[in-house]
C-alpha atoms as a PDB file:
ATOM      1  CA  MET A   1       0.000   0.000   0.000  1.00  0.00           C
ATOM      2  CA  PRO A   2       2.589   2.673   1.001  1.00  0.00           C
ATOM      3  CA  ARG A   3       4.401   4.156  -1.981  1.00  0.00           C
ATOM      4  CA  ALA A   4       7.002   5.970   0.136  1.00  0.00           C
ATOM      5  CA  ALA A   5       8.190   6.289   3.708  1.00  0.00           C
ATOM      6  CA  ARG A   6       6.415   9.580   4.311  1.00  0.00           C
ATOM      7  CA  LEU A   7       3.050  11.009   3.377  1.00  0.00           C
ATOM      8  CA  ARG A   8       1.955  14.645   3.434  1.00  0.00           C
ATOM      9  CA  VAL A   9      -1.675  15.023   4.452  1.00  0.00           C
ATOM     10  CA  GLY A  10      -2.635  18.686   4.333  1.00  0.00           C
ATOM     11  CA  ASP A  11       0.009  20.518   6.388  1.00  0.00           C
ATOM     12  CA  CYS A  12       0.984  17.399   8.338  1.00  0.00           C
ATOM     13  CA  VAL A  13       3.655  14.832   7.546  1.00  0.00           C
ATOM     14  CA  VAL A  14       3.054  11.167   8.379  1.00  0.00           C
ATOM     15  CA  ASP A  15       6.070   8.931   8.949  1.00  0.00           C
ATOM     16  CA  VAL A  16       4.563   5.605   7.880  1.00  0.00           C
ATOM     17  CA  ALA A  17       7.240   3.356   9.402  1.00  0.00           C
ATOM     18  CA  ARG A  18       7.143   5.092  12.789  1.00  0.00           C
ATOM     19  CA  ARG A  19       3.344   5.684  12.732  1.00  0.00           C
ATOM     20  CA  GLU A  20       3.852   9.334  13.646  1.00  0.00           C
ATOM     21  CA  VAL A  21       2.023  12.464  12.535  1.00  0.00           C
ATOM     22  CA  LEU A  22       3.982  15.710  12.738  1.00  0.00           C
ATOM     23  CA  ARG A  23       1.807  18.829  12.734  1.00  0.00           C
ATOM     24  CA  PRO A  24       3.264  22.270  12.028  1.00  0.00           C
ATOM     25  CA  GLY A  25       4.125  23.941  15.316  1.00  0.00           C
ATOM     26  CA  ALA A  26       3.777  20.715  17.338  1.00  0.00           C
ATOM     27  CA  VAL A  27       6.472  20.048  19.913  1.00  0.00           C
ATOM     28  CA  ALA A  28       6.507  16.316  19.247  1.00  0.00           C
ATOM     29  CA  PRO A  29       4.892  14.022  16.690  1.00  0.00           C
ATOM     30  CA  ALA A  30       1.638  12.262  17.573  1.00  0.00           C
ATOM     31  CA  ARG A  31       1.808   8.458  17.510  1.00  0.00           C
ATOM     32  CA  ILE A  32      -1.128   6.643  15.884  1.00  0.00           C
ATOM     33  CA  THR A  33      -2.157   2.996  16.125  1.00  0.00           C
ATOM     34  CA  VAL A  34      -1.420   0.449  13.414  1.00  0.00           C
ATOM     35  CA  LYS A  35      -5.110   0.241  12.511  1.00  0.00           C
ATOM     36  CA  ALA A  36      -5.472   4.027  12.364  1.00  0.00           C
ATOM     37  CA  LEU A  37      -2.482   4.153  10.000  1.00  0.00           C
ATOM     38  CA  GLN A  38      -4.023   1.445   7.820  1.00  0.00           C
ATOM     39  CA  VAL A  39      -7.309   3.382   7.715  1.00  0.00           C
ATOM     40  CA  LEU A  40      -5.378   6.517   6.724  1.00  0.00           C
ATOM     41  CA  LEU A  41      -3.611   4.655   3.916  1.00  0.00           C
ATOM     42  CA  VAL A  42      -6.940   3.362   2.549  1.00  0.00           C
ATOM     43  CA  LEU A  43      -8.406   6.891   2.720  1.00  0.00           C
ATOM     44  CA  ALA A  44      -5.274   8.286   1.025  1.00  0.00           C
ATOM     45  CA  GLU A  45      -5.714   5.868  -1.905  1.00  0.00           C
ATOM     46  CA  ASP A  46      -9.110   7.446  -2.590  1.00  0.00           C
ATOM     47  CA  ALA A  47      -8.508  10.978  -1.321  1.00  0.00           C
ATOM     48  CA  GLY A  48     -11.452  13.245  -2.081  1.00  0.00           C
ATOM     49  CA  ARG A  49     -13.873  10.321  -2.569  1.00  0.00           C
ATOM     50  CA  VAL A  50     -16.184   8.619  -0.095  1.00  0.00           C
ATOM     51  CA  VAL A  51     -14.684   5.419   1.317  1.00  0.00           C
ATOM     52  CA  PRO A  52     -17.477   3.212   2.704  1.00  0.00           C
ATOM     53  CA  ARG A  53     -17.194   1.861   6.249  1.00  0.00           C
ATOM     54  CA  GLU A  54     -17.566  -1.646   4.840  1.00  0.00           C
ATOM     55  CA  ARG A  55     -14.481  -1.194   2.671  1.00  0.00           C
ATOM     56  CA  LEU A  56     -12.482  -0.021   5.679  1.00  0.00           C
ATOM     57  CA  LEU A  57     -13.693  -3.011   7.692  1.00  0.00           C
ATOM     58  CA  ASP A  58     -12.952  -5.450   4.848  1.00  0.00           C
ATOM     59  CA  THR A  59      -9.508  -4.006   4.156  1.00  0.00           C
ATOM     60  CA  VAL A  60      -8.133  -3.097   7.571  1.00  0.00           C
ATOM     61  CA  TRP A  61      -9.860  -5.726   9.699  1.00  0.00           C
ATOM     62  CA  ALA A  62      -9.882  -8.561   7.135  1.00  0.00           C
ATOM     63  CA  GLY A  63     -10.317 -12.000   8.675  1.00  0.00           C
ATOM     64  CA  THR A  64     -11.599 -10.691  11.999  1.00  0.00           C
ATOM     65  CA  LEU A  65     -15.037 -10.018  13.461  1.00  0.00           C
ATOM     66  CA  PRO A  66     -14.774  -6.363  14.462  1.00  0.00           C
ATOM     67  CA  THR A  67     -17.511  -4.172  15.827  1.00  0.00           C
ATOM     68  CA  LEU A  68     -18.528  -1.040  13.937  1.00  0.00           C
ATOM     69  CA  ASP A  69     -16.931   0.962  16.728  1.00  0.00           C
ATOM     70  CA  VAL A  70     -13.379   0.042  15.626  1.00  0.00           C
ATOM     71  CA  VAL A  71     -13.645   2.260  12.543  1.00  0.00           C
ATOM     72  CA  THR A  72     -15.000   5.107  14.660  1.00  0.00           C
ATOM     73  CA  GLN A  73     -12.100   4.711  17.119  1.00  0.00           C
ATOM     74  CA  ALA A  74      -9.502   4.669  14.326  1.00  0.00           C
ATOM     75  CA  ILE A  75     -11.009   7.822  12.766  1.00  0.00           C
ATOM     76  CA  ALA A  76     -11.098   9.502  16.194  1.00  0.00           C
ATOM     77  CA  GLY A  77      -7.392   8.679  16.670  1.00  0.00           C
ATOM     78  CA  LEU A  78      -6.572  10.161  13.277  1.00  0.00           C
ATOM     79  CA  ARG A  79      -8.568  13.296  14.056  1.00  0.00           C
ATOM     80  CA  ARG A  80      -6.662  13.725  17.327  1.00  0.00           C
ATOM     81  CA  ALA A  81      -3.320  13.280  15.553  1.00  0.00           C
ATOM     82  CA  PHE A  82      -4.245  15.791  12.821  1.00  0.00           C
ATOM     83  CA  ALA A  83      -5.945  18.170  15.302  1.00  0.00           C
ATOM     84  CA  ASP A  84      -9.087  17.865  13.200  1.00  0.00           C
ATOM     85  CA  ARG A  85     -12.640  18.261  14.459  1.00  0.00           C
ATOM     86  CA  ALA A  86     -15.649  16.233  13.376  1.00  0.00           C
ATOM     87  CA  HIS A  87     -17.904  19.318  13.565  1.00  0.00           C
ATOM     88  CA  ALA A  88     -15.694  21.440  11.292  1.00  0.00           C
ATOM     89  CA  PRO A  89     -13.478  18.956   9.447  1.00  0.00           C
ATOM     90  CA  ALA A  90     -10.436  20.083   7.523  1.00  0.00           C
ATOM     91  CA  CYS A  91      -8.910  16.634   7.143  1.00  0.00           C
ATOM     92  CA  ILE A  92     -11.448  13.806   7.505  1.00  0.00           C
ATOM     93  CA  GLU A  93     -15.165  14.259   6.933  1.00  0.00           C
ATOM     94  CA  THR A  94     -17.805  11.780   8.066  1.00  0.00           C
ATOM     95  CA  ILE A  95     -20.514  11.116   5.492  1.00  0.00           C
ATOM     96  CA  PRO A  96     -23.475   9.842   7.549  1.00  0.00           C
ATOM     97  CA  LYS A  97     -24.633   6.323   6.655  1.00  0.00           C
ATOM     98  CA  SER A  98     -21.866   6.077   4.023  1.00  0.00           C
ATOM     99  CA  GLY A  99     -18.294   6.421   5.140  1.00  0.00           C
ATOM    100  CA  TYR A 100     -15.433   8.906   5.260  1.00  0.00           C
ATOM    101  CA  VAL A 101     -13.684  11.333   2.913  1.00  0.00           C
ATOM    102  CA  LEU A 102     -10.084  12.456   3.234  1.00  0.00           C
ATOM    103  CA  LEU A 103     -10.459  16.173   2.469  1.00  0.00           C
ATOM    104  CA  ALA A 104      -6.832  17.230   2.825  1.00  0.00           C
ATOM    105  CA  GLY A 105      -4.458  17.009  -0.091  1.00  0.00           C
ATOM    106  CA  VAL A 106      -2.263  13.899  -0.161  1.00  0.00           C
ATOM    107  CA  GLU A 107       1.301  13.687  -1.465  1.00  0.00           C
ATOM    108  CA  TRP A 108       3.806  10.867  -1.083  1.00  0.00           C
ATOM    109  CA  LEU A 109       7.190  12.286  -0.092  1.00  0.00           C
ATOM    110  CA  PRO A 110      10.652  10.857  -0.700  1.00  0.00           C
ATOM    111  CA  GLU A 111      12.683   9.552   2.216  1.00  0.00           C
ATOM    112  CA  ALA A 112      13.852  12.327   4.540  1.00  0.00           C
ATOM    113  CA  PRO A 113      17.534  13.210   4.126  1.00  0.00           C
ATOM    114  CA  ALA A 114      19.818  11.933   6.885  1.00  0.00           C
ATOM    115  CA  SER A 115      20.493  15.491   8.078  1.00  0.00           C
ATOM    116  CA  VAL A 116      16.753  16.084   8.598  1.00  0.00           C
ATOM    117  CA  ARG A 117      16.252  12.781  10.386  1.00  0.00           C
ATOM    118  CA  SER A 118      19.128  13.401  12.795  1.00  0.00           C
ATOM    119  CA  THR A 119      17.841  16.867  13.712  1.00  0.00           C
ATOM    120  CA  GLN A 120      14.304  15.747  14.485  1.00  0.00           C
ATOM    121  CA  ALA A 121      13.355  16.165  18.104  1.00  0.00           C
ATOM    122  CA  PRO A 122      13.351  12.923  20.093  1.00  0.00           C
ATOM    123  CA  LEU A 123      10.055  11.614  21.389  1.00  0.00           C
ATOM    124  CA  ALA A 124       8.888  13.355  24.515  1.00  0.00           C
ATOM    125  CA  PRO A 125       9.530  11.381  27.703  1.00  0.00           C
ATOM    126  CA  ALA A 126       6.664   9.957  29.669  1.00  0.00           C
ATOM    127  CA  SER A 127       4.599  12.610  31.368  1.00  0.00           C
ATOM    128  CA  PRO A 128       5.469  13.399  35.001  1.00  0.00           C
ATOM    129  CA  ARG A 129       2.054  12.050  36.046  1.00  0.00           C
ATOM    130  CA  ARG A 130       2.792   8.731  34.357  1.00  0.00           C
ATOM    131  CA  ARG A 131       6.203   8.537  36.035  1.00  0.00           C
ATOM    132  CA  ARG A 132       4.644   9.308  39.421  1.00  0.00           C
ATOM    133  CA  LEU A 133       2.100   6.531  38.938  1.00  0.00           C
ATOM    134  CA  GLY A 134       4.964   4.154  38.149  1.00  0.00           C
ATOM    135  CA  ARG A 135       6.692   5.111  41.389  1.00  0.00           C
ATOM    136  CA  TRP A 136       3.498   4.556  43.348  1.00  0.00           C
ATOM    137  CA  ARG A 137       3.105   1.090  41.817  1.00  0.00           C
ATOM    138  CA  TRP A 138       6.625   0.174  42.872  1.00  0.00           C
ATOM    139  CA  LEU A 139       6.020   1.563  46.361  1.00  0.00           C
ATOM    140  CA  ALA A 140       2.749  -0.374  46.668  1.00  0.00           C
ATOM    141  CA  ALA A 141       4.458  -3.589  45.551  1.00  0.00           C
ATOM    142  CA  LEU A 142       7.305  -3.021  48.006  1.00  0.00           C
ATOM    143  CA  MET A 143       4.842  -2.386  50.846  1.00  0.00           C
ATOM    144  CA  GLY A 144       2.933  -5.530  49.894  1.00  0.00           C
ATOM    145  CA  PHE A 145       6.078  -7.650  50.027  1.00  0.00           C
ATOM    146  CA  ALA A 146       7.118  -6.053  53.300  1.00  0.00           C
ATOM    147  CA  THR A 147       3.687  -6.791  54.769  1.00  0.00           C
ATOM    148  CA  LEU A 148       3.926 -10.397  53.639  1.00  0.00           C
ATOM    149  CA  GLY A 149       7.358 -10.650  55.220  1.00  0.00           C
ATOM    150  CA  VAL A 150       6.096  -9.254  58.528  1.00  0.00           C
ATOM    151  CA  VAL A 151       3.064 -11.564  58.533  1.00  0.00           C
ATOM    152  CA  GLU A 152       5.212 -14.577  57.618  1.00  0.00           C
ATOM    153  CA  GLY A 153       7.749 -13.670  60.294  1.00  0.00           C
ATOM    154  CA  ALA A 154       5.035 -13.183  62.901  1.00  0.00           C
ATOM    155  CA  SER A 155       3.415 -16.525  62.107  1.00  0.00           C
ATOM    156  CA  ALA A 156       6.794 -18.282  62.217  1.00  0.00           C
ATOM    157  CA  ALA A 157       7.556 -16.616  65.557  1.00  0.00           C
ATOM    158  CA  ALA A 158       4.160 -17.639  66.902  1.00  0.00           C
ATOM    159  CA  ALA A 159       4.769 -21.235  65.864  1.00  0.00           C
ATOM    160  CA  THR A 160       8.215 -21.221  67.476  1.00  0.00           C
ATOM    161  CA  ASP A 161       6.922 -19.551  70.650  1.00  0.00           C
ATOM    162  CA  GLY A 162       4.109 -22.066  70.859  1.00  0.00           C
ATOM    163  CA  MET A 163       6.602 -24.949  70.868  1.00  0.00           C
ATOM    164  CA  SER A 164       8.735 -23.381  73.574  1.00  0.00           C
ATOM    165  CA  SER A 165       5.994 -22.932  76.147  1.00  0.00           C
ATOM    166  CA  PRO A 166       6.309 -25.223  79.209  1.00  0.00           C
ATOM    167  CA  ALA A 167       2.898 -26.878  78.633  1.00  0.00           C
ATOM    168  CA  VAL A 168       3.791 -27.844  75.056  1.00  0.00           C
ATOM    169  CA  ARG A 169       7.255 -29.107  76.129  1.00  0.00           C
ATOM    170  CA  SER A 170       5.777 -31.317  78.831  1.00  0.00           C
ATOM    171  CA  ASN A 171       3.287 -32.791  76.348  1.00  0.00           C
ATOM    172  CA  VAL A 172       6.105 -33.526  73.918  1.00  0.00           C
ATOM    173  CA  ASP A 173       8.225 -35.069  76.702  1.00  0.00           C
ATOM    174  CA  GLN A 174       5.378 -37.371  77.803  1.00  0.00           C
ATOM    175  CA  ARG A 175       5.007 -38.904  74.342  1.00  0.00           C
END
């Protein structure tokens, strides 16, 4: 399907191999799912024409039993990546009861020169909130293991203390 490594859709550039959409003025590229990229490639083949939902389902989800919602989710992901809105589309228009139209102009671009690739900004690190959640998970796991250790130690101590009491020793001695 892809004719080149990069695709210009309107003002945005899509790196097909990396599944990234770079918008003008964006700090970092937006990553899209494999299925959203496949939907985009089908829409790009017929840019300016209505692509029926059924064709998207048959092409992108061939051999599976998807729900109708998967197409909607893929289109929503593309709209987020292109900063497009369903109410005032500039990139992807929904045609009720029919399908979707890729409104933006499409142009396959040659491979980016090595100098351009090396100067591209690296992907943004995980958000601070995501990192904090990761730390909390580790802390919760550590506390869980510590609690298990304390409980295990307490039960082992109770078993040992129970054997050392005079009543238990005398019963053991009598046997």
